[in-house]
PDB file of N, CA and C in Angstrom:
ATOM      1  N   MET A   1     -58.110 -42.589 -98.929  1.00  0.00           N
ATOM      2  CA  MET A   1     -57.448 -42.725 -97.647  1.00  0.00           C
ATOM      3  C   MET A   1     -57.003 -41.355 -97.140  1.00  0.00           C
ATOM      4  N   LYS A   2     -56.408 -40.564 -98.062  1.00  0.00           N
ATOM      5  CA  LYS A   2     -55.929 -39.244 -97.694  1.00  0.00           C
ATOM      6  C   LYS A   2     -57.091 -38.324 -97.316  1.00  0.00           C
ATOM      7  N   LYS A   3     -58.214 -38.465 -98.032  1.00  0.00           N
ATOM      8  CA  LYS A   3     -59.381 -37.631 -97.761  1.00  0.00           C
ATOM      9  C   LYS A   3     -59.960 -37.945 -96.377  1.00  0.00           C
ATOM     10  N   ASN A   4     -59.984 -39.224 -96.033  1.00  0.00           N
ATOM     11  CA  ASN A   4     -60.521 -39.620 -94.707  1.00  0.00           C
ATOM     12  C   ASN A   4     -59.675 -39.046 -93.579  1.00  0.00           C
ATOM     13  N   ILE A   5     -58.368 -39.048 -93.744  1.00  0.00           N
ATOM     14  CA  ILE A   5     -57.486 -38.488 -92.716  1.00  0.00           C
ATOM     15  C   ILE A   5     -57.723 -36.988 -92.591  1.00  0.00           C
ATOM     16  N   TYR A   6     -57.872 -36.290 -93.740  1.00  0.00           N
ATOM     17  CA  TYR A   6     -58.143 -34.854 -93.693  1.00  0.00           C
ATOM     18  C   TYR A   6     -59.483 -34.563 -93.028  1.00  0.00           C
ATOM     19  N   LYS A   7     -60.500 -35.411 -93.296  1.00  0.00           N
ATOM     20  CA  LYS A   7     -61.811 -35.226 -92.663  1.00  0.00           C
ATOM     21  C   LYS A   7     -61.705 -35.373 -91.144  1.00  0.00           C
ATOM     22  N   ILE A   8     -60.919 -36.354 -90.700  1.00  0.00           N
ATOM     23  CA  ILE A   8     -60.747 -36.570 -89.266  1.00  0.00           C
ATOM     24  C   ILE A   8     -60.008 -35.392 -88.640  1.00  0.00           C
ATOM     25  N   LEU A   9     -58.940 -34.927 -89.294  1.00  0.00           N
ATOM     26  CA  LEU A   9     -58.157 -33.827 -88.745  1.00  0.00           C
ATOM     27  C   LEU A   9     -58.936 -32.519 -88.714  1.00  0.00           C
ATOM     28  N   LYS A  10     -59.736 -32.258 -89.745  1.00  0.00           N
ATOM     29  CA  LYS A  10     -60.519 -31.024 -89.791  1.00  0.00           C
ATOM     30  C   LYS A  10     -61.788 -31.122 -88.949  1.00  0.00           C
ATOM     31  N   GLY A  11     -62.255 -32.339 -88.684  1.00  0.00           N
ATOM     32  CA  GLY A  11     -63.461 -32.517 -87.885  1.00  0.00           C
ATOM     33  C   GLY A  11     -64.731 -32.430 -88.700  1.00  0.00           C
ATOM     34  N   THR A  12     -64.650 -32.496 -89.995  1.00  0.00           N
ATOM     35  CA  THR A  12     -65.856 -32.408 -90.828  1.00  0.00           C
ATOM     36  C   THR A  12     -66.735 -33.644 -90.693  1.00  0.00           C
ATOM     37  N   PHE A  13     -66.172 -34.748 -90.228  1.00  0.00           N
ATOM     38  CA  PHE A  13     -66.989 -35.962 -90.049  1.00  0.00           C
ATOM     39  C   PHE A  13     -67.994 -35.784 -88.916  1.00  0.00           C
ATOM     40  N   LEU A  14     -67.792 -34.765 -88.058  1.00  0.00           N
ATOM     41  CA  LEU A  14     -68.715 -34.526 -86.954  1.00  0.00           C
ATOM     42  C   LEU A  14     -69.854 -33.577 -87.321  1.00  0.00           C
ATOM     43  N   VAL A  15     -69.700 -32.824 -88.408  1.00  0.00           N
ATOM     44  CA  VAL A  15     -70.733 -31.849 -88.776  1.00  0.00           C
ATOM     45  C   VAL A  15     -71.379 -32.144 -90.128  1.00  0.00           C
ATOM     46  N   SER A  16     -71.006 -33.225 -90.753  1.00  0.00           N
ATOM     47  CA  SER A  16     -71.582 -33.563 -92.061  1.00  0.00           C
ATOM     48  C   SER A  16     -73.010 -34.104 -91.880  1.00  0.00           C
ATOM     49  N   ASP A  17     -73.661 -34.435 -93.002  1.00  0.00           N
ATOM     50  CA  ASP A  17     -75.054 -34.882 -92.972  1.00  0.00           C
ATOM     51  C   ASP A  17     -75.227 -36.215 -92.227  1.00  0.00           C
ATOM     52  N   ASP A  18     -74.309 -37.136 -92.374  1.00  0.00           N
ATOM     53  CA  ASP A  18     -74.432 -38.433 -91.711  1.00  0.00           C
ATOM     54  C   ASP A  18     -73.588 -38.485 -90.420  1.00  0.00           C
ATOM     55  N   SER A  19     -73.479 -37.344 -89.758  1.00  0.00           N
ATOM     56  CA  SER A  19     -72.653 -37.259 -88.541  1.00  0.00           C
ATOM     57  C   SER A  19     -73.308 -37.919 -87.333  1.00  0.00           C
ATOM     58  N   PHE A  20     -74.642 -38.132 -87.370  1.00  0.00           N
ATOM     59  CA  PHE A  20     -75.330 -38.761 -86.244  1.00  0.00           C
ATOM     60  C   PHE A  20     -74.749 -40.140 -85.960  1.00  0.00           C
ATOM     61  N   LYS A  21     -74.429 -40.867 -87.015  1.00  0.00           N
ATOM     62  CA  LYS A  21     -73.831 -42.189 -86.857  1.00  0.00           C
ATOM     63  C   LYS A  21     -72.457 -42.078 -86.174  1.00  0.00           C
ATOM     64  N   ASN A  22     -71.692 -41.097 -86.568  1.00  0.00           N
ATOM     65  CA  ASN A  22     -70.370 -40.904 -85.965  1.00  0.00           C
ATOM     66  C   ASN A  22     -70.477 -40.470 -84.495  1.00  0.00           C
ATOM     67  N   TRP A  23     -71.440 -39.598 -84.206  1.00  0.00           N
ATOM     68  CA  TRP A  23     -71.614 -39.146 -82.826  1.00  0.00           C
ATOM     69  C   TRP A  23     -72.032 -40.308 -81.919  1.00  0.00           C
ATOM     70  N   ARG A  24     -72.929 -41.160 -82.408  1.00  0.00           N
ATOM     71  CA  ARG A  24     -73.324 -42.337 -81.629  1.00  0.00           C
ATOM     72  C   ARG A  24     -72.120 -43.207 -81.330  1.00  0.00           C
ATOM     73  N   PHE A  25     -71.269 -43.399 -82.311  1.00  0.00           N
ATOM     74  CA  PHE A  25     -70.068 -44.208 -82.145  1.00  0.00           C
ATOM     75  C   PHE A  25     -69.128 -43.584 -81.109  1.00  0.00           C
ATOM     76  N   ILE A  26     -68.934 -42.282 -81.174  1.00  0.00           N
ATOM     77  CA  ILE A  26     -68.052 -41.588 -80.232  1.00  0.00           C
ATOM     78  C   ILE A  26     -68.624 -41.641 -78.819  1.00  0.00           C
ATOM     79  N   ILE A  27     -69.914 -41.415 -78.668  1.00  0.00           N
ATOM     80  CA  ILE A  27     -70.550 -41.460 -77.349  1.00  0.00           C
ATOM     81  C   ILE A  27     -70.488 -42.870 -76.773  1.00  0.00           C
ATOM     82  N   PHE A  28     -70.719 -43.881 -77.620  1.00  0.00           N
ATOM     83  CA  PHE A  28     -70.640 -45.261 -77.165  1.00  0.00           C
ATOM     84  C   PHE A  28     -69.249 -45.571 -76.606  1.00  0.00           C
ATOM     85  N   PHE A  29     -68.214 -45.194 -77.341  1.00  0.00           N
ATOM     86  CA  PHE A  29     -66.855 -45.452 -76.869  1.00  0.00           C
ATOM     87  C   PHE A  29     -66.505 -44.625 -75.633  1.00  0.00           C
ATOM     88  N   SER A  30     -67.062 -43.420 -75.528  1.00  0.00           N
ATOM     89  CA  SER A  30     -66.813 -42.611 -74.328  1.00  0.00           C
ATOM     90  C   SER A  30     -67.425 -43.269 -73.092  1.00  0.00           C
ATOM     91  N   VAL A  31     -68.666 -43.731 -73.222  1.00  0.00           N
ATOM     92  CA  VAL A  31     -69.332 -44.405 -72.111  1.00  0.00           C
ATOM     93  C   VAL A  31     -68.589 -45.698 -71.758  1.00  0.00           C
ATOM     94  N   LEU A  32     -68.163 -46.417 -72.780  1.00  0.00           N
ATOM     95  CA  LEU A  32     -67.416 -47.642 -72.553  1.00  0.00           C
ATOM     96  C   LEU A  32     -66.099 -47.365 -71.822  1.00  0.00           C
ATOM     97  N   ALA A  33     -65.418 -46.281 -72.182  1.00  0.00           N
ATOM     98  CA  ALA A  33     -64.167 -45.911 -71.513  1.00  0.00           C
ATOM     99  C   ALA A  33     -64.422 -45.540 -70.056  1.00  0.00           C
ATOM    100  N   ILE A  34     -65.519 -44.821 -69.794  1.00  0.00           N
ATOM    101  CA  ILE A  34     -65.859 -44.438 -68.415  1.00  0.00           C
ATOM    102  C   ILE A  34     -66.152 -45.685 -67.582  1.00  0.00           C
ATOM    103  N   VAL A  35     -66.868 -46.632 -68.146  1.00  0.00           N
ATOM    104  CA  VAL A  35     -67.169 -47.873 -67.432  1.00  0.00           C
ATOM    105  C   VAL A  35     -65.879 -48.648 -67.151  1.00  0.00           C
ATOM    106  N   MET A  36     -64.974 -48.697 -68.104  1.00  0.00           N
ATOM    107  CA  MET A  36     -63.705 -49.403 -67.898  1.00  0.00           C
ATOM    108  C   MET A  36     -62.872 -48.727 -66.810  1.00  0.00           C
ATOM    109  N   ILE A  37     -62.831 -47.410 -66.799  1.00  0.00           N
ATOM    110  CA  ILE A  37     -62.067 -46.682 -65.781  1.00  0.00           C
ATOM    111  C   ILE A  37     -62.668 -46.922 -64.405  1.00  0.00           C
ATOM    112  N   ALA A  38     -63.998 -46.860 -64.300  1.00  0.00           N
ATOM    113  CA  ALA A  38     -64.656 -47.105 -63.013  1.00  0.00           C
ATOM    114  C   ALA A  38     -64.402 -48.530 -62.530  1.00  0.00           C
ATOM    115  N   SER A  39     -64.444 -49.479 -63.434  1.00  0.00           N
ATOM    116  CA  SER A  39     -64.186 -50.868 -63.079  1.00  0.00           C
ATOM    117  C   SER A  39     -62.747 -51.052 -62.593  1.00  0.00           C
ATOM    118  N   SER A  40     -61.822 -50.392 -63.254  1.00  0.00           N
ATOM    119  CA  SER A  40     -60.414 -50.476 -62.860  1.00  0.00           C
ATOM    120  C   SER A  40     -60.204 -49.885 -61.471  1.00  0.00           C
ATOM    121  N   HIS A  41     -60.833 -48.744 -61.196  1.00  0.00           N
ATOM    122  CA  HIS A  41     -60.710 -48.123 -59.870  1.00  0.00           C
ATOM    123  C   HIS A  41     -61.314 -49.025 -58.787  1.00  0.00           C
ATOM    124  N   SER A  42     -62.442 -49.644 -59.106  1.00  0.00           N
ATOM    125  CA  SER A  42     -63.080 -50.543 -58.154  1.00  0.00           C
ATOM    126  C   SER A  42     -62.184 -51.747 -57.859  1.00  0.00           C
ATOM    127  N   ALA A  43     -61.570 -52.292 -58.895  1.00  0.00           N
ATOM    128  CA  ALA A  43     -60.668 -53.434 -58.700  1.00  0.00           C
ATOM    129  C   ALA A  43     -59.452 -53.021 -57.863  1.00  0.00           C
ATOM    130  N   ASP A  44     -58.915 -51.839 -58.115  1.00  0.00           N
ATOM    131  CA  ASP A  44     -57.769 -51.360 -57.338  1.00  0.00           C
ATOM    132  C   ASP A  44     -58.141 -51.200 -55.865  1.00  0.00           C
ATOM    133  N   LYS A  45     -59.330 -50.657 -55.600  1.00  0.00           N
ATOM    134  CA  LYS A  45     -59.787 -50.504 -54.214  1.00  0.00           C
ATOM    135  C   LYS A  45     -59.860 -51.850 -53.520  1.00  0.00           C
ATOM    136  N   LYS A  46     -60.384 -52.843 -54.233  1.00  0.00           N
ATOM    137  CA  LYS A  46     -60.511 -54.172 -53.642  1.00  0.00           C
ATOM    138  C   LYS A  46     -59.141 -54.785 -53.382  1.00  0.00           C
ATOM    139  N   VAL A  47     -58.189 -54.569 -54.273  1.00  0.00           N
ATOM    140  CA  VAL A  47     -56.835 -55.096 -54.070  1.00  0.00           C
ATOM    141  C   VAL A  47     -56.212 -54.471 -52.833  1.00  0.00           C
ATOM    142  N   TYR A  48     -56.352 -53.156 -52.662  1.00  0.00           N
ATOM    143  CA  TYR A  48     -55.808 -52.489 -51.480  1.00  0.00           C
ATOM    144  C   TYR A  48     -56.492 -52.973 -50.206  1.00  0.00           C
ATOM    145  N   GLU A  49     -57.806 -53.190 -50.274  1.00  0.00           N
ATOM    146  CA  GLU A  49     -58.543 -53.676 -49.108  1.00  0.00           C
ATOM    147  C   GLU A  49     -58.074 -55.084 -48.733  1.00  0.00           C
ATOM    148  N   ILE A  50     -57.866 -55.933 -49.727  1.00  0.00           N
ATOM    149  CA  ILE A  50     -57.388 -57.292 -49.469  1.00  0.00           C
ATOM    150  C   ILE A  50     -56.010 -57.249 -48.832  1.00  0.00           C
ATOM    151  N   ALA A  51     -55.122 -56.390 -49.334  1.00  0.00           N
ATOM    152  CA  ALA A  51     -53.776 -56.276 -48.766  1.00  0.00           C
ATOM    153  C   ALA A  51     -53.837 -55.784 -47.324  1.00  0.00           C
ATOM    154  N   ARG A  52     -54.714 -54.821 -47.045  1.00  0.00           N
ATOM    155  CA  ARG A  52     -54.855 -54.305 -45.684  1.00  0.00           C
ATOM    156  C   ARG A  52     -55.368 -55.397 -44.746  1.00  0.00           C
ATOM    157  N   LEU A  53     -56.352 -56.158 -45.207  1.00  0.00           N
ATOM    158  CA  LEU A  53     -56.908 -57.223 -44.374  1.00  0.00           C
ATOM    159  C   LEU A  53     -55.885 -58.335 -44.128  1.00  0.00           C
ATOM    160  N   LYS A  54     -55.058 -58.635 -45.136  1.00  0.00           N
ATOM    161  CA  LYS A  54     -54.012 -59.651 -44.947  1.00  0.00           C
ATOM    162  C   LYS A  54     -53.014 -59.193 -43.886  1.00  0.00           C
ATOM    163  N   ASN A  55     -52.649 -57.913 -43.919  1.00  0.00           N
ATOM    164  CA  ASN A  55     -51.739 -57.400 -42.897  1.00  0.00           C
ATOM    165  C   ASN A  55     -52.375 -57.469 -41.516  1.00  0.00           C
ATOM    166  N   GLU A  56     -53.656 -57.138 -41.443  1.00  0.00           N
ATOM    167  CA  GLU A  56     -54.360 -57.184 -40.161  1.00  0.00           C
ATOM    168  C   GLU A  56     -54.429 -58.611 -39.630  1.00  0.00           C
ATOM    169  N   VAL A  57     -54.701 -59.575 -40.504  1.00  0.00           N
ATOM    170  CA  VAL A  57     -54.756 -60.979 -40.098  1.00  0.00           C
ATOM    171  C   VAL A  57     -53.386 -61.429 -39.605  1.00  0.00           C
ATOM    172  N   SER A  58     -52.344 -61.008 -40.300  1.00  0.00           N
ATOM    173  CA  SER A  58     -50.984 -61.371 -39.888  1.00  0.00           C
ATOM    174  C   SER A  58     -50.663 -60.808 -38.505  1.00  0.00           C
ATOM    175  N   GLU A  59     -51.036 -59.553 -38.252  1.00  0.00           N
ATOM    176  CA  GLU A  59     -50.800 -58.944 -36.944  1.00  0.00           C
ATOM    177  C   GLU A  59     -51.586 -59.674 -35.852  1.00  0.00           C
ATOM    178  N   MET A  60     -52.844 -60.002 -36.146  1.00  0.00           N
ATOM    179  CA  MET A  60     -53.664 -60.695 -35.152  1.00  0.00           C
ATOM    180  C   MET A  60     -53.127 -62.095 -34.880  1.00  0.00           C
ATOM    181  N   ARG A  61     -52.660 -62.772 -35.923  1.00  0.00           N
ATOM    182  CA  ARG A  61     -52.106 -64.112 -35.734  1.00  0.00           C
ATOM    183  C   ARG A  61     -50.860 -64.061 -34.852  1.00  0.00           C
ATOM    184  N   SER A  62     -49.994 -63.071 -35.094  1.00  0.00           N
ATOM    185  CA  SER A  62     -48.787 -62.972 -34.277  1.00  0.00           C
ATOM    186  C   SER A  62     -49.140 -62.602 -32.833  1.00  0.00           C
ATOM    187  N   ALA A  63     -50.159 -61.753 -32.642  1.00  0.00           N
ATOM    188  CA  ALA A  63     -50.593 -61.415 -31.280  1.00  0.00           C
ATOM    189  C   ALA A  63     -51.167 -62.651 -30.590  1.00  0.00           C
ATOM    190  N   PHE A  64     -51.904 -63.471 -31.321  1.00  0.00           N
ATOM    191  CA  PHE A  64     -52.469 -64.696 -30.763  1.00  0.00           C
ATOM    192  C   PHE A  64     -51.361 -65.657 -30.342  1.00  0.00           C
ATOM    193  N   ILE A  65     -50.371 -65.838 -31.206  1.00  0.00           N
ATOM    194  CA  ILE A  65     -49.267 -66.749 -30.891  1.00  0.00           C
ATOM    195  C   ILE A  65     -48.485 -66.238 -29.689  1.00  0.00           C
ATOM    196  N   ASP A  66     -48.278 -64.923 -29.622  1.00  0.00           N
ATOM    197  CA  ASP A  66     -47.574 -64.336 -28.484  1.00  0.00           C
ATOM    198  C   ASP A  66     -48.352 -64.558 -27.190  1.00  0.00           C
ATOM    199  N   GLY A  67     -49.656 -64.332 -27.229  1.00  0.00           N
ATOM    200  CA  GLY A  67     -50.497 -64.537 -26.052  1.00  0.00           C
ATOM    201  C   GLY A  67     -50.528 -65.997 -25.621  1.00  0.00           C
ATOM    202  N   ARG A  68     -50.599 -66.887 -26.592  1.00  0.00           N
ATOM    203  CA  ARG A  68     -50.624 -68.318 -26.276  1.00  0.00           C
ATOM    204  C   ARG A  68     -49.312 -68.758 -25.631  1.00  0.00           C
ATOM    205  N   SER A  69     -48.174 -68.253 -26.138  1.00  0.00           N
ATOM    206  CA  SER A  69     -46.891 -68.638 -25.552  1.00  0.00           C
ATOM    207  C   SER A  69     -46.751 -68.075 -24.130  1.00  0.00           C
ATOM    208  N   ARG A  70     -47.240 -66.836 -23.908  1.00  0.00           N
ATOM    209  CA  ARG A  70     -47.196 -66.285 -22.544  1.00  0.00           C
ATOM    210  C   ARG A  70     -48.083 -67.087 -21.599  1.00  0.00           C
ATOM    211  N   LEU A  71     -49.251 -67.523 -22.079  1.00  0.00           N
ATOM    212  CA  LEU A  71     -50.146 -68.334 -21.258  1.00  0.00           C
ATOM    213  C   LEU A  71     -49.504 -69.666 -20.907  1.00  0.00           C
ATOM    214  N   MET A  72     -48.858 -70.292 -21.872  1.00  0.00           N
ATOM    215  CA  MET A  72     -48.194 -71.573 -21.598  1.00  0.00           C
ATOM    216  C   MET A  72     -47.091 -71.389 -20.559  1.00  0.00           C
ATOM    217  N   LYS A  73     -46.387 -70.282 -20.646  1.00  0.00           N
ATOM    218  CA  LYS A  73     -45.331 -70.005 -19.664  1.00  0.00           C
ATOM    219  C   LYS A  73     -45.928 -69.799 -18.276  1.00  0.00           C
ATOM    220  N   LEU A  74     -47.067 -69.109 -18.205  1.00  0.00           N
ATOM    221  CA  LEU A  74     -47.709 -68.880 -16.908  1.00  0.00           C
ATOM    222  C   LEU A  74     -48.258 -70.172 -16.306  1.00  0.00           C
ATOM    223  N   LYS A  75     -48.657 -71.122 -17.131  1.00  0.00           N
ATOM    224  CA  LYS A  75     -49.250 -72.359 -16.643  1.00  0.00           C
ATOM    225  C   LYS A  75     -48.210 -73.405 -16.240  1.00  0.00           C
ATOM    226  N   MET A  76     -46.951 -73.150 -16.507  1.00  0.00           N
ATOM    227  CA  MET A  76     -45.913 -74.124 -16.155  1.00  0.00           C
ATOM    228  C   MET A  76     -45.841 -74.280 -14.637  1.00  0.00           C
ATOM    229  N   GLU A  77     -45.623 -75.527 -14.196  1.00  0.00           N
ATOM    230  CA  GLU A  77     -45.605 -75.816 -12.763  1.00  0.00           C
ATOM    231  C   GLU A  77     -44.493 -75.060 -12.053  1.00  0.00           C
ATOM    232  N   SER A  78     -43.338 -74.933 -12.684  1.00  0.00           N
ATOM    233  CA  SER A  78     -42.223 -74.227 -12.048  1.00  0.00           C
ATOM    234  C   SER A  78     -42.564 -72.754 -11.833  1.00  0.00           C
ATOM    235  N   ASN A  79     -43.245 -72.160 -12.779  1.00  0.00           N
ATOM    236  CA  ASN A  79     -43.634 -70.755 -12.645  1.00  0.00           C
ATOM    237  C   ASN A  79     -44.665 -70.590 -11.524  1.00  0.00           C
ATOM    238  N   ILE A  80     -45.613 -71.510 -11.466  1.00  0.00           N
ATOM    239  CA  ILE A  80     -46.638 -71.446 -10.419  1.00  0.00           C
ATOM    240  C   ILE A  80     -45.989 -71.611  -9.042  1.00  0.00           C
ATOM    241  N   MET A  81     -45.015 -72.523  -8.954  1.00  0.00           N
ATOM    242  CA  MET A  81     -44.341 -72.727  -7.673  1.00  0.00           C
ATOM    243  C   MET A  81     -43.584 -71.472  -7.241  1.00  0.00           C
ATOM    244  N   GLU A  82     -42.980 -70.763  -8.180  1.00  0.00           N
ATOM    245  CA  GLU A  82     -42.272 -69.515  -7.846  1.00  0.00           C
ATOM    246  C   GLU A  82     -43.235 -68.466  -7.320  1.00  0.00           C
ATOM    247  N   VAL A  83     -44.377 -68.319  -7.972  1.00  0.00           N
ATOM    248  CA  VAL A  83     -45.374 -67.328  -7.539  1.00  0.00           C
ATOM    249  C   VAL A  83     -45.904 -67.689  -6.167  1.00  0.00           C
ATOM    250  N   MET A  84     -46.155 -68.973  -5.923  1.00  0.00           N
ATOM    251  CA  MET A  84     -46.670 -69.394  -4.624  1.00  0.00           C
ATOM    252  C   MET A  84     -45.605 -69.256  -3.533  1.00  0.00           C
ATOM    253  N   ALA A  85     -44.346 -69.448  -3.872  1.00  0.00           N
ATOM    254  CA  ALA A  85     -43.266 -69.293  -2.894  1.00  0.00           C
ATOM    255  C   ALA A  85     -43.168 -67.846  -2.432  1.00  0.00           C
ATOM    256  N   GLU A  86     -43.448 -66.911  -3.314  1.00  0.00           N
ATOM    257  CA  GLU A  86     -43.443 -65.499  -2.926  1.00  0.00           C
ATOM    258  C   GLU A  86     -44.540 -65.208  -1.902  1.00  0.00           C
ATOM    259  N   LYS A  87     -45.616 -65.973  -1.948  1.00  0.00           N
ATOM    260  CA  LYS A  87     -46.730 -65.776  -1.007  1.00  0.00           C
ATOM    261  C   LYS A  87     -46.630 -66.733   0.187  1.00  0.00           C
ATOM    262  N   ASP A  88     -45.494 -67.385   0.347  1.00  0.00           N
ATOM    263  CA  ASP A  88     -45.232 -68.336   1.426  1.00  0.00           C
ATOM    264  C   ASP A  88     -46.192 -69.523   1.411  1.00  0.00           C
ATOM    265  N   ILE A  89     -46.515 -69.986   0.247  1.00  0.00           N
ATOM    266  CA  ILE A  89     -47.339 -71.189   0.100  1.00  0.00           C
ATOM    267  C   ILE A  89     -46.443 -72.248  -0.540  1.00  0.00           C
ATOM    268  N   THR A  90     -46.325 -73.380   0.130  1.00  0.00           N
ATOM    269  CA  THR A  90     -45.473 -74.455  -0.382  1.00  0.00           C
ATOM    270  C   THR A  90     -46.330 -75.634  -0.784  1.00  0.00           C
ATOM    271  N   PRO A  91     -45.816 -76.472  -1.658  1.00  0.00           N
ATOM    272  CA  PRO A  91     -46.592 -77.664  -2.036  1.00  0.00           C
ATOM    273  C   PRO A  91     -46.680 -78.648  -0.881  1.00  0.00           C
ATOM    274  N   SER A  92     -47.741 -79.386  -0.837  1.00  0.00           N
ATOM    275  CA  SER A  92     -47.977 -80.340   0.238  1.00  0.00           C
ATOM    276  C   SER A  92     -47.054 -81.550   0.086  1.00  0.00           C
ATOM    277  N   VAL A  93     -46.551 -82.038   1.228  1.00  0.00           N
ATOM    278  CA  VAL A  93     -45.717 -83.240   1.209  1.00  0.00           C
ATOM    279  C   VAL A  93     -46.571 -84.493   1.344  1.00  0.00           C
ATOM    280  N   ILE A  94     -47.789 -84.331   1.830  1.00  0.00           N
ATOM    281  CA  ILE A  94     -48.710 -85.457   1.973  1.00  0.00           C
ATOM    282  C   ILE A  94     -49.521 -85.554   0.680  1.00  0.00           C
ATOM    283  N   PRO A  95     -49.501 -86.703   0.048  1.00  0.00           N
ATOM    284  CA  PRO A  95     -50.260 -86.820  -1.208  1.00  0.00           C
ATOM    285  C   PRO A  95     -51.766 -86.749  -0.944  1.00  0.00           C
ATOM    286  N   PRO A  96     -52.530 -86.300  -1.903  1.00  0.00           N
ATOM    287  CA  PRO A  96     -53.980 -86.207  -1.716  1.00  0.00           C
ATOM    288  C   PRO A  96     -54.624 -87.591  -1.649  1.00  0.00           C
ATOM    289  N   LYS A  97     -55.764 -87.669  -0.963  1.00  0.00           N
ATOM    290  CA  LYS A  97     -56.494 -88.931  -0.854  1.00  0.00           C
ATOM    291  C   LYS A  97     -57.778 -88.810  -1.662  1.00  0.00           C
ATOM    292  N   LYS A  98     -58.166 -89.946  -2.221  1.00  0.00           N
ATOM    293  CA  LYS A  98     -59.409 -89.987  -2.977  1.00  0.00           C
ATOM    294  C   LYS A  98     -60.574 -90.180  -2.032  1.00  0.00           C
ATOM    295  N   ILE A  99     -61.612 -89.440  -2.250  1.00  0.00           N
ATOM    296  CA  ILE A  99     -62.824 -89.586  -1.450  1.00  0.00           C
ATOM    297  C   ILE A  99     -63.862 -90.257  -2.325  1.00  0.00           C
ATOM    298  N   LYS A 100     -64.350 -91.387  -1.871  1.00  0.00           N
ATOM    299  CA  LYS A 100     -65.375 -92.115  -2.630  1.00  0.00           C
ATOM    300  C   LYS A 100     -66.703 -91.965  -1.906  1.00  0.00           C
ATOM    301  N   VAL A 101     -67.682 -91.563  -2.617  1.00  0.00           N
ATOM    302  CA  VAL A 101     -69.019 -91.404  -2.041  1.00  0.00           C
ATOM    303  C   VAL A 101     -69.889 -92.526  -2.584  1.00  0.00           C
ATOM    304  N   LYS A 102     -70.495 -93.264  -1.656  1.00  0.00           N
ATOM    305  CA  LYS A 102     -71.385 -94.333  -2.053  1.00  0.00           C
ATOM    306  C   LYS A 102     -72.790 -93.754  -2.177  1.00  0.00           C
ATOM    307  N   SER A 103     -73.489 -94.211  -3.161  1.00  0.00           N
ATOM    308  CA  SER A 103     -74.845 -93.692  -3.358  1.00  0.00           C
ATOM    309  C   SER A 103     -75.773 -94.204  -2.262  1.00  0.00           C
ATOM    310  N   GLN A 104     -76.780 -93.447  -1.922  1.00  0.00           N
ATOM    311  CA  GLN A 104     -77.673 -93.790  -0.809  1.00  0.00           C
ATOM    312  C   GLN A 104     -79.017 -94.299  -1.325  1.00  0.00           C
ATOM    313  N   LYS A 105     -78.989 -95.201  -2.207  1.00  0.00           N
ATOM    314  CA  LYS A 105     -80.242 -95.739  -2.771  1.00  0.00           C
ATOM    315  C   LYS A 105     -80.840 -96.818  -1.936  1.00  0.00           C
TER     316      LYS A 105
END
């Protein structure tokens, strides 16, 4: 056990006769670590993108609700009557009549 620790600390396991096996192991773990780091960065990017899109959806939803409420206010009969009164147009006191057209067959 003590000899193995000394070999690791001195680095003789990398230059000995059977070091090819150790180098393959080290390279494998290095590549694996690089893949894990890249995967983690990719996941973080996606999380930030999702958060940004959620904020954008929230802003658009609030803008939609604001626009819809303003439209409903503009369509109210009292509001329309005020706008028409400014232009000196008043509602008719005579109710409308239905026009029926008979077919000419």
